[in-house]
Protein backbone atom coordinates (compact mmCIF):
# COMPACT_ATOMS: atom_id res chain seq x y z
CA UNK A 1 -0.04 0.00 0.11
CA UNK A 2 1.05 3.40 -0.83
CA UNK A 3 1.21 5.91 1.80
CA UNK A 4 -0.86 9.10 1.50
CA UNK A 5 2.25 11.40 1.27
CA UNK A 6 3.67 9.22 -1.50
CA UNK A 7 0.47 9.41 -3.59
CA UNK A 8 0.29 13.21 -3.25
CA UNK A 9 4.07 13.43 -4.15
CA UNK A 10 3.36 11.07 -7.39
CA UNK A 11 0.49 13.20 -8.59
CA UNK A 12 2.33 16.45 -7.98
CA UNK A 13 5.28 15.15 -10.10
CA UNK A 14 2.73 13.89 -12.82
CA UNK A 15 0.80 17.20 -12.95
CA UNK A 16 3.94 19.19 -13.15
CA UNK A 17 5.46 17.07 -16.03
CA UNK A 18 1.94 17.66 -17.94
CA UNK A 19 2.18 21.57 -16.93
CA UNK A 20 5.86 21.59 -18.48
CA UNK A 21 4.72 19.88 -21.68
CA UNK A 22 1.65 22.35 -22.07
CA UNK A 23 3.85 25.41 -21.21
CA UNK A 24 6.46 24.35 -23.87
CA UNK A 25 3.69 24.02 -26.79
CA UNK A 26 3.85 26.49 -29.48
CA UNK A 27 0.46 28.05 -29.56
CA UNK A 28 0.47 27.65 -33.34
CA UNK A 29 0.16 24.00 -32.92
CA UNK A 30 -3.13 24.29 -31.04
CA UNK A 31 -5.14 24.36 -34.33
CA UNK A 32 -3.21 21.51 -36.00
CA UNK A 33 -5.24 18.29 -36.98
CA UNK A 34 -3.87 15.21 -35.69
CA UNK A 35 -5.20 11.50 -35.74
CA UNK A 36 -5.35 10.39 -32.08
CA UNK A 37 -6.85 6.92 -31.25
CA UNK A 38 -8.17 6.80 -34.63
CA UNK A 39 -10.07 10.01 -34.37
CA UNK A 40 -9.36 13.50 -36.23
CA UNK A 41 -9.15 16.04 -34.03
CA UNK A 42 -6.97 19.33 -33.07
CA UNK A 43 -4.17 19.39 -30.50
CA UNK A 44 -6.39 21.75 -28.40
CA UNK A 45 -9.57 19.56 -28.44
CA UNK A 46 -7.32 16.62 -27.39
CA UNK A 47 -5.78 18.60 -24.52
CA UNK A 48 -9.33 19.53 -23.15
CA UNK A 49 -10.31 16.04 -23.58
CA UNK A 50 -7.38 14.78 -21.42
CA UNK A 51 -8.26 17.56 -18.77
CA UNK A 52 -11.83 16.37 -18.69
CA UNK A 53 -10.78 12.86 -18.37
CA UNK A 54 -8.52 13.60 -15.46
CA UNK A 55 -11.17 15.74 -13.68
CA UNK A 56 -13.62 12.70 -14.00
CA UNK A 57 -11.32 10.35 -12.33
CA UNK A 58 -10.14 12.82 -9.82
CA UNK A 59 -14.04 13.24 -8.93
CA UNK A 60 -14.51 9.48 -8.75
CA UNK A 61 -11.51 9.15 -6.27
CA UNK A 62 -13.20 12.03 -4.09
CA UNK A 63 -16.41 10.42 -4.17
CA UNK A 64 -15.03 6.96 -3.21
CA UNK A 65 -12.88 8.42 -0.63
CA UNK A 66 -15.58 10.12 1.24
CA UNK A 67 -18.01 7.20 0.93
CA UNK A 68 -15.33 4.97 2.54
CA UNK A 69 -14.21 7.49 5.28
CA UNK A 70 -17.34 9.18 5.71
CA UNK A 71 -15.60 12.39 6.18
CA UNK A 72 -15.43 15.82 4.42
CA UNK A 73 -12.31 15.98 2.42
CA UNK A 74 -12.02 19.75 3.24
CA UNK A 75 -10.54 20.48 -0.36
CA UNK A 76 -11.56 24.18 0.40
CA UNK A 77 -11.33 26.48 3.37
């Protein structure tokens, strides 16, 4: 089992890496069309899709954690 601290550290690292990739993107690439998983899309749409997908899984994790612990996660002050 991974500790809470290690999970948070891993998540921060991965999000930091994703942030660095996004920050390095040339803005002119955002409208380029790409084939991703057999679908025609733009780079910007692909980015939005990944953010949405990540948010959905984060929400699932929060919900399951709240259900199992029966506690408010106090994500906001």
